[in-house]
Amino acid sequence: MDGSVRASLDAAAGPPPPFRGNESSLVSALKTLLFFTILMVTLPIGLYFATKAYIFEGSMKMSSSDSYFYAAIVAVLAVHVVLALFVYVAWNEGTPKGKGKDD
């Protein structure tokens, strides 16, 4: 290869420019992810133990084995609700706030 061509290729293959995107949108996305991660861990576990102790065994006087089963169903439903909310929020995160007529 010619020396001048090699020098120009080496200069073009330098380090990429630093990312200068919208840092506020990145921070917003990370905050949303952190919020839903905490919600995904705490809500189903909390609902499981709360419904087992207070609703199924306390109010409805169910046996321990039955209350485990129904409390698990409540926890699984909570997981699905949190996932659906996360998908909804993530889907609408990049859309503009105003719903006016596009001109």
PDB file of N, CA and C in Angstrom:
ATOM      1  N   MET A   1       0.844  -1.180   0.000  1.00  0.00           N
ATOM      2  CA  MET A   1       0.000   0.000   0.000  1.00  0.00           C
ATOM      3  C   MET A   1       0.885   1.238   0.000  1.00  0.00           C
ATOM      4  N   ASP A   2       0.421   2.260  -0.594  1.00  0.00           N
ATOM      5  CA  ASP A   2       1.158   3.513  -0.680  1.00  0.00           C
ATOM      6  C   ASP A   2       1.217   4.166   0.701  1.00  0.00           C
ATOM      7  N   GLY A   3       2.284   4.830   1.038  1.00  0.00           N
ATOM      8  CA  GLY A   3       2.470   5.444   2.349  1.00  0.00           C
ATOM      9  C   GLY A   3       1.465   6.548   2.635  1.00  0.00           C
ATOM     10  N   SER A   4       1.121   7.328   1.604  1.00  0.00           N
ATOM     11  CA  SER A   4       0.163   8.419   1.825  1.00  0.00           C
ATOM     12  C   SER A   4      -1.241   7.890   2.075  1.00  0.00           C
ATOM     13  N   VAL A   5      -1.611   6.793   1.429  1.00  0.00           N
ATOM     14  CA  VAL A   5      -2.939   6.197   1.636  1.00  0.00           C
ATOM     15  C   VAL A   5      -3.010   5.598   3.034  1.00  0.00           C
ATOM     16  N   ARG A   6      -1.941   4.922   3.459  1.00  0.00           N
ATOM     17  CA  ARG A   6      -1.915   4.315   4.794  1.00  0.00           C
ATOM     18  C   ARG A   6      -2.002   5.392   5.877  1.00  0.00           C
ATOM     19  N   ALA A   7      -1.328   6.500   5.707  1.00  0.00           N
ATOM     20  CA  ALA A   7      -1.373   7.579   6.692  1.00  0.00           C
ATOM     21  C   ALA A   7      -2.769   8.179   6.780  1.00  0.00           C
ATOM     22  N   SER A   8      -3.434   8.334   5.632  1.00  0.00           N
ATOM     23  CA  SER A   8      -4.782   8.905   5.668  1.00  0.00           C
ATOM     24  C   SER A   8      -5.773   7.917   6.285  1.00  0.00           C
ATOM     25  N   LEU A   9      -5.600   6.612   6.071  1.00  0.00           N
ATOM     26  CA  LEU A   9      -6.476   5.616   6.688  1.00  0.00           C
ATOM     27  C   LEU A   9      -6.257   5.563   8.192  1.00  0.00           C
ATOM     28  N   ASP A  10      -4.996   5.682   8.635  1.00  0.00           N
ATOM     29  CA  ASP A  10      -4.718   5.682  10.074  1.00  0.00           C
ATOM     30  C   ASP A  10      -5.325   6.905  10.750  1.00  0.00           C
ATOM     31  N   ALA A  11      -5.297   8.041  10.078  1.00  0.00           N
ATOM     32  CA  ALA A  11      -5.872   9.254  10.652  1.00  0.00           C
ATOM     33  C   ALA A  11      -7.393   9.144  10.735  1.00  0.00           C
ATOM     34  N   ALA A  12      -8.004   8.499   9.751  1.00  0.00           N
ATOM     35  CA  ALA A  12      -9.458   8.349   9.741  1.00  0.00           C
ATOM     36  C   ALA A  12      -9.926   7.330  10.768  1.00  0.00           C
ATOM     37  N   ALA A  13      -9.059   6.401  11.147  1.00  0.00           N
ATOM     38  CA  ALA A  13      -9.441   5.348  12.093  1.00  0.00           C
ATOM     39  C   ALA A  13      -9.131   5.724  13.528  1.00  0.00           C
ATOM     40  N   GLY A  14      -9.087   6.998  13.828  1.00  0.00           N
ATOM     41  CA  GLY A  14      -8.804   7.448  15.188  1.00  0.00           C
ATOM     42  C   GLY A  14      -9.958   7.116  16.126  1.00  0.00           C
ATOM     43  N   PRO A  15      -9.825   7.539  17.366  1.00  0.00           N
ATOM     44  CA  PRO A  15     -10.885   7.228  18.336  1.00  0.00           C
ATOM     45  C   PRO A  15     -12.179   7.948  17.967  1.00  0.00           C
ATOM     46  N   PRO A  16     -13.305   7.313  18.238  1.00  0.00           N
ATOM     47  CA  PRO A  16     -14.576   7.949  17.894  1.00  0.00           C
ATOM     48  C   PRO A  16     -14.810   9.170  18.782  1.00  0.00           C
ATOM     49  N   PRO A  17     -15.560  10.115  18.288  1.00  0.00           N
ATOM     50  CA  PRO A  17     -15.844  11.294  19.113  1.00  0.00           C
ATOM     51  C   PRO A  17     -16.700  10.901  20.310  1.00  0.00           C
ATOM     52  N   PRO A  18     -16.550  11.604  21.422  1.00  0.00           N
ATOM     53  CA  PRO A  18     -17.344  11.256  22.606  1.00  0.00           C
ATOM     54  C   PRO A  18     -18.825  11.473  22.351  1.00  0.00           C
ATOM     55  N   PHE A  19     -19.648  10.675  23.040  1.00  0.00           N
ATOM     56  CA  PHE A  19     -21.096  10.763  22.881  1.00  0.00           C
ATOM     57  C   PHE A  19     -21.592  12.079  23.457  1.00  0.00           C
ATOM     58  N   ARG A  20     -22.226  12.865  22.617  1.00  0.00           N
ATOM     59  CA  ARG A  20     -22.753  14.152  23.051  1.00  0.00           C
ATOM     60  C   ARG A  20     -24.274  14.168  22.920  1.00  0.00           C
ATOM     61  N   GLY A  21     -24.900  13.042  23.245  1.00  0.00           N
ATOM     62  CA  GLY A  21     -26.346  12.955  23.139  1.00  0.00           C
ATOM     63  C   GLY A  21     -27.035  13.707  24.254  1.00  0.00           C
ATOM     64  N   ASN A  22     -28.280  13.473  24.382  1.00  0.00           N
ATOM     65  CA  ASN A  22     -29.076  14.142  25.390  1.00  0.00           C
ATOM     66  C   ASN A  22     -28.919  13.412  26.711  1.00  0.00           C
ATOM     67  N   GLU A  23     -28.066  13.927  27.609  1.00  0.00           N
ATOM     68  CA  GLU A  23     -27.801  13.260  28.879  1.00  0.00           C
ATOM     69  C   GLU A  23     -29.024  13.239  29.779  1.00  0.00           C
ATOM     70  N   SER A  24     -29.890  14.235  29.647  1.00  0.00           N
ATOM     71  CA  SER A  24     -31.082  14.257  30.499  1.00  0.00           C
ATOM     72  C   SER A  24     -32.020  13.108  30.152  1.00  0.00           C
ATOM     73  N   SER A  25     -32.103  12.738  28.884  1.00  0.00           N
ATOM     74  CA  SER A  25     -32.954  11.603  28.521  1.00  0.00           C
ATOM     75  C   SER A  25     -32.345  10.296  29.020  1.00  0.00           C
ATOM     76  N   LEU A  26     -31.017  10.203  29.034  1.00  0.00           N
ATOM     77  CA  LEU A  26     -30.360   9.015  29.559  1.00  0.00           C
ATOM     78  C   LEU A  26     -30.598   8.887  31.064  1.00  0.00           C
ATOM     79  N   VAL A  27     -30.472   9.993  31.783  1.00  0.00           N
ATOM     80  CA  VAL A  27     -30.726   9.986  33.226  1.00  0.00           C
ATOM     81  C   VAL A  27     -32.182   9.649  33.505  1.00  0.00           C
ATOM     82  N   SER A  28     -33.079  10.188  32.700  1.00  0.00           N
ATOM     83  CA  SER A  28     -34.502   9.897  32.862  1.00  0.00           C
ATOM     84  C   SER A  28     -34.786   8.415  32.628  1.00  0.00           C
ATOM     85  N   ALA A  29     -34.171   7.836  31.626  1.00  0.00           N
ATOM     86  CA  ALA A  29     -34.372   6.410  31.347  1.00  0.00           C
ATOM     87  C   ALA A  29     -33.812   5.541  32.479  1.00  0.00           C
ATOM     88  N   LEU A  30     -32.658   5.930  33.019  1.00  0.00           N
ATOM     89  CA  LEU A  30     -32.079   5.162  34.125  1.00  0.00           C
ATOM     90  C   LEU A  30     -32.919   5.279  35.388  1.00  0.00           C
ATOM     91  N   LYS A  31     -33.486   6.466  35.644  1.00  0.00           N
ATOM     92  CA  LYS A  31     -34.369   6.625  36.794  1.00  0.00           C
ATOM     93  C   LYS A  31     -35.628   5.773  36.646  1.00  0.00           C
ATOM     94  N   THR A  32     -36.179   5.744  35.446  1.00  0.00           N
ATOM     95  CA  THR A  32     -37.355   4.916  35.189  1.00  0.00           C
ATOM     96  C   THR A  32     -37.024   3.444  35.393  1.00  0.00           C
ATOM     97  N   LEU A  33     -35.891   3.014  34.870  1.00  0.00           N
ATOM     98  CA  LEU A  33     -35.481   1.620  35.032  1.00  0.00           C
ATOM     99  C   LEU A  33     -35.255   1.274  36.494  1.00  0.00           C
ATOM    100  N   LEU A  34     -34.615   2.146  37.241  1.00  0.00           N
ATOM    101  CA  LEU A  34     -34.371   1.901  38.660  1.00  0.00           C
ATOM    102  C   LEU A  34     -35.680   1.843  39.435  1.00  0.00           C
ATOM    103  N   PHE A  35     -36.595   2.745  39.137  1.00  0.00           N
ATOM    104  CA  PHE A  35     -37.890   2.749  39.817  1.00  0.00           C
ATOM    105  C   PHE A  35     -38.637   1.435  39.588  1.00  0.00           C
ATOM    106  N   PHE A  36     -38.703   0.988  38.342  1.00  0.00           N
ATOM    107  CA  PHE A  36     -39.436  -0.241  38.055  1.00  0.00           C
ATOM    108  C   PHE A  36     -38.696  -1.478  38.552  1.00  0.00           C
ATOM    109  N   THR A  37     -37.380  -1.422  38.648  1.00  0.00           N
ATOM    110  CA  THR A  37     -36.633  -2.534  39.229  1.00  0.00           C
ATOM    111  C   THR A  37     -36.958  -2.686  40.710  1.00  0.00           C
ATOM    112  N   ILE A  38     -36.964  -1.575  41.430  1.00  0.00           N
ATOM    113  CA  ILE A  38     -37.312  -1.621  42.852  1.00  0.00           C
ATOM    114  C   ILE A  38     -38.755  -2.065  43.030  1.00  0.00           C
ATOM    115  N   LEU A  39     -39.637  -1.546  42.184  1.00  0.00           N
ATOM    116  CA  LEU A  39     -41.050  -1.930  42.257  1.00  0.00           C
ATOM    117  C   LEU A  39     -41.238  -3.413  41.950  1.00  0.00           C
ATOM    118  N   MET A  40     -40.464  -3.944  41.005  1.00  0.00           N
ATOM    119  CA  MET A  40     -40.579  -5.354  40.634  1.00  0.00           C
ATOM    120  C   MET A  40     -40.138  -6.274  41.765  1.00  0.00           C
ATOM    121  N   VAL A  41     -39.208  -5.822  42.578  1.00  0.00           N
ATOM    122  CA  VAL A  41     -38.730  -6.647  43.687  1.00  0.00           C
ATOM    123  C   VAL A  41     -39.652  -6.524  44.897  1.00  0.00           C
ATOM    124  N   THR A  42     -40.020  -5.317  45.242  1.00  0.00           N
ATOM    125  CA  THR A  42     -40.734  -5.107  46.500  1.00  0.00           C
ATOM    126  C   THR A  42     -42.226  -5.383  46.435  1.00  0.00           C
ATOM    127  N   LEU A  43     -42.884  -4.988  45.365  1.00  0.00           N
ATOM    128  CA  LEU A  43     -44.339  -5.111  45.304  1.00  0.00           C
ATOM    129  C   LEU A  43     -44.829  -6.558  45.343  1.00  0.00           C
ATOM    130  N   PRO A  44     -44.329  -7.465  44.514  1.00  0.00           N
ATOM    131  CA  PRO A  44     -44.835  -8.837  44.588  1.00  0.00           C
ATOM    132  C   PRO A  44     -44.531  -9.529  45.919  1.00  0.00           C
ATOM    133  N   ILE A  45     -43.342  -9.299  46.464  1.00  0.00           N
ATOM    134  CA  ILE A  45     -42.993  -9.931  47.742  1.00  0.00           C
ATOM    135  C   ILE A  45     -43.856  -9.366  48.865  1.00  0.00           C
ATOM    136  N   GLY A  46     -44.013  -8.054  48.875  1.00  0.00           N
ATOM    137  CA  GLY A  46     -44.857  -7.438  49.896  1.00  0.00           C
ATOM    138  C   GLY A  46     -46.302  -7.874  49.796  1.00  0.00           C
ATOM    139  N   LEU A  47     -46.828  -7.912  48.577  1.00  0.00           N
ATOM    140  CA  LEU A  47     -48.208  -8.360  48.409  1.00  0.00           C
ATOM    141  C   LEU A  47     -48.381  -9.832  48.779  1.00  0.00           C
ATOM    142  N   TYR A  48     -47.376 -10.642  48.489  1.00  0.00           N
ATOM    143  CA  TYR A  48     -47.468 -12.058  48.831  1.00  0.00           C
ATOM    144  C   TYR A  48     -47.665 -12.243  50.336  1.00  0.00           C
ATOM    145  N   PHE A  49     -46.769 -11.644  51.114  1.00  0.00           N
ATOM    146  CA  PHE A  49     -46.849 -11.839  52.561  1.00  0.00           C
ATOM    147  C   PHE A  49     -48.038 -11.113  53.186  1.00  0.00           C
ATOM    148  N   ALA A  50     -48.381  -9.946  52.657  1.00  0.00           N
ATOM    149  CA  ALA A  50     -49.509  -9.200  53.206  1.00  0.00           C
ATOM    150  C   ALA A  50     -50.832  -9.913  52.939  1.00  0.00           C
ATOM    151  N   THR A  51     -51.030 -10.356  51.705  1.00  0.00           N
ATOM    152  CA  THR A  51     -52.290 -11.040  51.408  1.00  0.00           C
ATOM    153  C   THR A  51     -52.386 -12.392  52.092  1.00  0.00           C
ATOM    154  N   LYS A  52     -51.264 -13.079  52.224  1.00  0.00           N
ATOM    155  CA  LYS A  52     -51.278 -14.378  52.904  1.00  0.00           C
ATOM    156  C   LYS A  52     -51.673 -14.224  54.364  1.00  0.00           C
ATOM    157  N   ALA A  53     -51.050 -13.270  55.042  1.00  0.00           N
ATOM    158  CA  ALA A  53     -51.277 -13.126  56.484  1.00  0.00           C
ATOM    159  C   ALA A  53     -52.594 -12.440  56.797  1.00  0.00           C
ATOM    160  N   TYR A  54     -52.884 -11.346  56.121  1.00  0.00           N
ATOM    161  CA  TYR A  54     -54.014 -10.523  56.526  1.00  0.00           C
ATOM    162  C   TYR A  54     -55.320 -10.859  55.807  1.00  0.00           C
ATOM    163  N   ILE A  55     -55.236 -11.168  54.530  1.00  0.00           N
ATOM    164  CA  ILE A  55     -56.480 -11.408  53.785  1.00  0.00           C
ATOM    165  C   ILE A  55     -56.881 -12.874  53.826  1.00  0.00           C
ATOM    166  N   PHE A  56     -55.986 -13.744  53.357  1.00  0.00           N
ATOM    167  CA  PHE A  56     -56.395 -15.141  53.201  1.00  0.00           C
ATOM    168  C   PHE A  56     -56.445 -15.903  54.520  1.00  0.00           C
ATOM    169  N   GLU A  57     -55.444 -15.721  55.380  1.00  0.00           N
ATOM    170  CA  GLU A  57     -55.484 -16.414  56.669  1.00  0.00           C
ATOM    171  C   GLU A  57     -56.247 -15.608  57.721  1.00  0.00           C
ATOM    172  N   GLY A  58     -56.137 -14.278  57.679  1.00  0.00           N
ATOM    173  CA  GLY A  58     -56.776 -13.443  58.690  1.00  0.00           C
ATOM    174  C   GLY A  58     -58.259 -13.267  58.464  1.00  0.00           C
ATOM    175  N   SER A  59     -58.610 -12.702  57.322  1.00  0.00           N
ATOM    176  CA  SER A  59     -60.017 -12.385  57.057  1.00  0.00           C
ATOM    177  C   SER A  59     -60.819 -13.586  56.580  1.00  0.00           C
ATOM    178  N   MET A  60     -60.243 -14.371  55.687  1.00  0.00           N
ATOM    179  CA  MET A  60     -60.990 -15.478  55.086  1.00  0.00           C
ATOM    180  C   MET A  60     -60.824 -16.797  55.831  1.00  0.00           C
ATOM    181  N   LYS A  61     -59.958 -16.826  56.828  1.00  0.00           N
ATOM    182  CA  LYS A  61     -59.729 -18.027  57.650  1.00  0.00           C
ATOM    183  C   LYS A  61     -59.374 -19.262  56.825  1.00  0.00           C
ATOM    184  N   MET A  62     -58.522 -19.081  55.813  1.00  0.00           N
ATOM    185  CA  MET A  62     -58.079 -20.215  54.991  1.00  0.00           C
ATOM    186  C   MET A  62     -56.954 -20.955  55.690  1.00  0.00           C
ATOM    187  N   SER A  63     -56.743 -22.195  55.268  1.00  0.00           N
ATOM    188  CA  SER A  63     -55.624 -22.962  55.807  1.00  0.00           C
ATOM    189  C   SER A  63     -54.314 -22.399  55.248  1.00  0.00           C
ATOM    190  N   SER A  64     -53.215 -22.796  55.857  1.00  0.00           N
ATOM    191  CA  SER A  64     -51.912 -22.276  55.452  1.00  0.00           C
ATOM    192  C   SER A  64     -51.563 -22.680  54.028  1.00  0.00           C
ATOM    193  N   SER A  65     -51.860 -23.918  53.651  1.00  0.00           N
ATOM    194  CA  SER A  65     -51.519 -24.377  52.302  1.00  0.00           C
ATOM    195  C   SER A  65     -52.366 -23.669  51.239  1.00  0.00           C
ATOM    196  N   ASP A  66     -53.621 -23.405  51.531  1.00  0.00           N
ATOM    197  CA  ASP A  66     -54.455 -22.681  50.571  1.00  0.00           C
ATOM    198  C   ASP A  66     -54.020 -21.215  50.457  1.00  0.00           C
ATOM    199  N   SER A  67     -53.655 -20.625  51.577  1.00  0.00           N
ATOM    200  CA  SER A  67     -53.250 -19.220  51.533  1.00  0.00           C
ATOM    201  C   SER A  67     -51.937 -19.038  50.778  1.00  0.00           C
ATOM    202  N   TYR A  68     -51.029 -20.027  50.829  1.00  0.00           N
ATOM    203  CA  TYR A  68     -49.802 -19.952  50.027  1.00  0.00           C
ATOM    204  C   TYR A  68     -50.147 -19.881  48.540  1.00  0.00           C
ATOM    205  N   PHE A  69     -51.067 -20.725  48.135  1.00  0.00           N
ATOM    206  CA  PHE A  69     -51.446 -20.816  46.730  1.00  0.00           C
ATOM    207  C   PHE A  69     -52.057 -19.506  46.233  1.00  0.00           C
ATOM    208  N   TYR A  70     -53.018 -18.971  46.948  1.00  0.00           N
ATOM    209  CA  TYR A  70     -53.700 -17.756  46.505  1.00  0.00           C
ATOM    210  C   TYR A  70     -52.805 -16.516  46.631  1.00  0.00           C
ATOM    211  N   ALA A  71     -51.947 -16.488  47.626  1.00  0.00           N
ATOM    212  CA  ALA A  71     -51.008 -15.372  47.745  1.00  0.00           C
ATOM    213  C   ALA A  71     -50.002 -15.385  46.600  1.00  0.00           C
ATOM    214  N   ALA A  72     -49.610 -16.552  46.157  1.00  0.00           N
ATOM    215  CA  ALA A  72     -48.701 -16.652  45.012  1.00  0.00           C
ATOM    216  C   ALA A  72     -49.378 -16.145  43.744  1.00  0.00           C
ATOM    217  N   ILE A  73     -50.657 -16.421  43.596  1.00  0.00           N
ATOM    218  CA  ILE A  73     -51.388 -15.911  42.436  1.00  0.00           C
ATOM    219  C   ILE A  73     -51.414 -14.384  42.457  1.00  0.00           C
ATOM    220  N   VAL A  74     -51.635 -13.798  43.624  1.00  0.00           N
ATOM    221  CA  VAL A  74     -51.636 -12.337  43.747  1.00  0.00           C
ATOM    222  C   VAL A  74     -50.258 -11.777  43.386  1.00  0.00           C
ATOM    223  N   ALA A  75     -49.194 -12.427  43.832  1.00  0.00           N
ATOM    224  CA  ALA A  75     -47.840 -11.952  43.533  1.00  0.00           C
ATOM    225  C   ALA A  75     -47.540 -12.038  42.038  1.00  0.00           C
ATOM    226  N   VAL A  76     -47.973 -13.100  41.386  1.00  0.00           N
ATOM    227  CA  VAL A  76     -47.752 -13.236  39.941  1.00  0.00           C
ATOM    228  C   VAL A  76     -48.531 -12.168  39.179  1.00  0.00           C
ATOM    229  N   LEU A  77     -49.743 -11.900  39.606  1.00  0.00           N
ATOM    230  CA  LEU A  77     -50.520 -10.824  38.975  1.00  0.00           C
ATOM    231  C   LEU A  77     -49.841  -9.470  39.161  1.00  0.00           C
ATOM    232  N   ALA A  78     -49.246  -9.250  40.327  1.00  0.00           N
ATOM    233  CA  ALA A  78     -48.530  -7.995  40.576  1.00  0.00           C
ATOM    234  C   ALA A  78     -47.322  -7.861  39.654  1.00  0.00           C
ATOM    235  N   VAL A  79     -46.616  -8.956  39.418  1.00  0.00           N
ATOM    236  CA  VAL A  79     -45.473  -8.932  38.492  1.00  0.00           C
ATOM    237  C   VAL A  79     -45.939  -8.538  37.094  1.00  0.00           C
ATOM    238  N   HIS A  80     -47.048  -9.107  36.657  1.00  0.00           N
ATOM    239  CA  HIS A  80     -47.556  -8.791  35.324  1.00  0.00           C
ATOM    240  C   HIS A  80     -48.003  -7.327  35.221  1.00  0.00           C
ATOM    241  N   VAL A  81     -48.593  -6.798  36.266  1.00  0.00           N
ATOM    242  CA  VAL A  81     -49.014  -5.397  36.257  1.00  0.00           C
ATOM    243  C   VAL A  81     -47.792  -4.480  36.187  1.00  0.00           C
ATOM    244  N   VAL A  82     -46.761  -4.778  36.960  1.00  0.00           N
ATOM    245  CA  VAL A  82     -45.548  -3.947  36.933  1.00  0.00           C
ATOM    246  C   VAL A  82     -44.881  -4.016  35.563  1.00  0.00           C
ATOM    247  N   LEU A  83     -44.818  -5.199  34.976  1.00  0.00           N
ATOM    248  CA  LEU A  83     -44.230  -5.323  33.638  1.00  0.00           C
ATOM    249  C   LEU A  83     -45.037  -4.552  32.600  1.00  0.00           C
ATOM    250  N   ALA A  84     -46.348  -4.625  32.681  1.00  0.00           N
ATOM    251  CA  ALA A  84     -47.190  -3.890  31.733  1.00  0.00           C
ATOM    252  C   ALA A  84     -47.004  -2.384  31.901  1.00  0.00           C
ATOM    253  N   LEU A  85     -46.919  -1.920  33.133  1.00  0.00           N
ATOM    254  CA  LEU A  85     -46.679  -0.492  33.366  1.00  0.00           C
ATOM    255  C   LEU A  85     -45.322  -0.055  32.839  1.00  0.00           C
ATOM    256  N   PHE A  86     -44.307  -0.894  33.026  1.00  0.00           N
ATOM    257  CA  PHE A  86     -42.978  -0.560  32.515  1.00  0.00           C
ATOM    258  C   PHE A  86     -42.987  -0.460  30.993  1.00  0.00           C
ATOM    259  N   VAL A  87     -43.619  -1.399  30.333  1.00  0.00           N
ATOM    260  CA  VAL A  87     -43.683  -1.361  28.871  1.00  0.00           C
ATOM    261  C   VAL A  87     -44.432  -0.117  28.411  1.00  0.00           C
ATOM    262  N   TYR A  88     -45.527   0.227  29.079  1.00  0.00           N
ATOM    263  CA  TYR A  88     -46.299   1.411  28.717  1.00  0.00           C
ATOM    264  C   TYR A  88     -45.459   2.680  28.882  1.00  0.00           C
ATOM    265  N   VAL A  89     -44.771   2.798  30.014  1.00  0.00           N
ATOM    266  CA  VAL A  89     -43.958   3.990  30.268  1.00  0.00           C
ATOM    267  C   VAL A  89     -42.781   4.050  29.297  1.00  0.00           C
ATOM    268  N   ALA A  90     -42.133   2.927  29.052  1.00  0.00           N
ATOM    269  CA  ALA A  90     -40.989   2.912  28.135  1.00  0.00           C
ATOM    270  C   ALA A  90     -41.433   3.216  26.705  1.00  0.00           C
ATOM    271  N   TRP A  91     -42.596   2.747  26.320  1.00  0.00           N
ATOM    272  CA  TRP A  91     -43.097   2.990  24.970  1.00  0.00           C
ATOM    273  C   TRP A  91     -43.405   4.472  24.761  1.00  0.00           C
ATOM    274  N   ASN A  92     -43.960   5.111  25.776  1.00  0.00           N
ATOM    275  CA  ASN A  92     -44.360   6.510  25.654  1.00  0.00           C
ATOM    276  C   ASN A  92     -43.298   7.492  26.117  1.00  0.00           C
ATOM    277  N   GLU A  93     -42.125   7.030  26.468  1.00  0.00           N
ATOM    278  CA  GLU A  93     -41.103   7.917  27.019  1.00  0.00           C
ATOM    279  C   GLU A  93     -40.557   8.893  25.985  1.00  0.00           C
ATOM    280  N   GLY A  94     -40.415   8.491  24.766  1.00  0.00           N
ATOM    281  CA  GLY A  94     -39.811   9.350  23.752  1.00  0.00           C
ATOM    282  C   GLY A  94     -40.809  10.174  22.964  1.00  0.00           C
ATOM    283  N   THR A  95     -42.096  10.034  23.220  1.00  0.00           N
ATOM    284  CA  THR A  95     -43.087  10.764  22.438  1.00  0.00           C
ATOM    285  C   THR A  95     -43.242  12.177  22.982  1.00  0.00           C
ATOM    286  N   PRO A  96     -43.554  13.122  22.127  1.00  0.00           N
ATOM    287  CA  PRO A  96     -43.769  14.486  22.596  1.00  0.00           C
ATOM    288  C   PRO A  96     -45.013  14.589  23.470  1.00  0.00           C
ATOM    289  N   LYS A  97     -44.983  15.539  24.390  1.00  0.00           N
ATOM    290  CA  LYS A  97     -46.079  15.689  25.352  1.00  0.00           C
ATOM    291  C   LYS A  97     -47.341  16.237  24.727  1.00  0.00           C
ATOM    292  N   GLY A  98     -47.205  17.200  23.811  1.00  0.00           N
ATOM    293  CA  GLY A  98     -48.378  17.828  23.209  1.00  0.00           C
ATOM    294  C   GLY A  98     -49.020  16.926  22.174  1.00  0.00           C
ATOM    295  N   LYS A  99     -50.327  16.801  22.232  1.00  0.00           N
ATOM    296  CA  LYS A  99     -51.035  15.979  21.259  1.00  0.00           C
ATOM    297  C   LYS A  99     -51.826  16.879  20.317  1.00  0.00           C
ATOM    298  N   GLY A 100     -51.156  17.894  19.813  1.00  0.00           N
ATOM    299  CA  GLY A 100     -51.805  18.815  18.895  1.00  0.00           C
ATOM    300  C   GLY A 100     -51.798  18.279  17.478  1.00  0.00           C
ATOM    301  N   LYS A 101     -52.382  19.056  16.590  1.00  0.00           N
ATOM    302  CA  LYS A 101     -52.442  18.673  15.182  1.00  0.00           C
ATOM    303  C   LYS A 101     -51.066  18.899  14.545  1.00  0.00           C
ATOM    304  N   ASP A 102     -50.561  17.892  13.835  1.00  0.00           N
ATOM    305  CA  ASP A 102     -49.273  18.023  13.153  1.00  0.00           C
ATOM    306  C   ASP A 102     -49.449  18.854  11.892  1.00  0.00           C
ATOM    307  N   ASP A 103     -48.691  19.935  11.767  1.00  0.00           N
ATOM    308  CA  ASP A 103     -48.788  20.801  10.592  1.00  0.00           C
ATOM    309  C   ASP A 103     -47.665  20.523   9.647  1.00  0.00           C
TER     310      ASP A 103
END
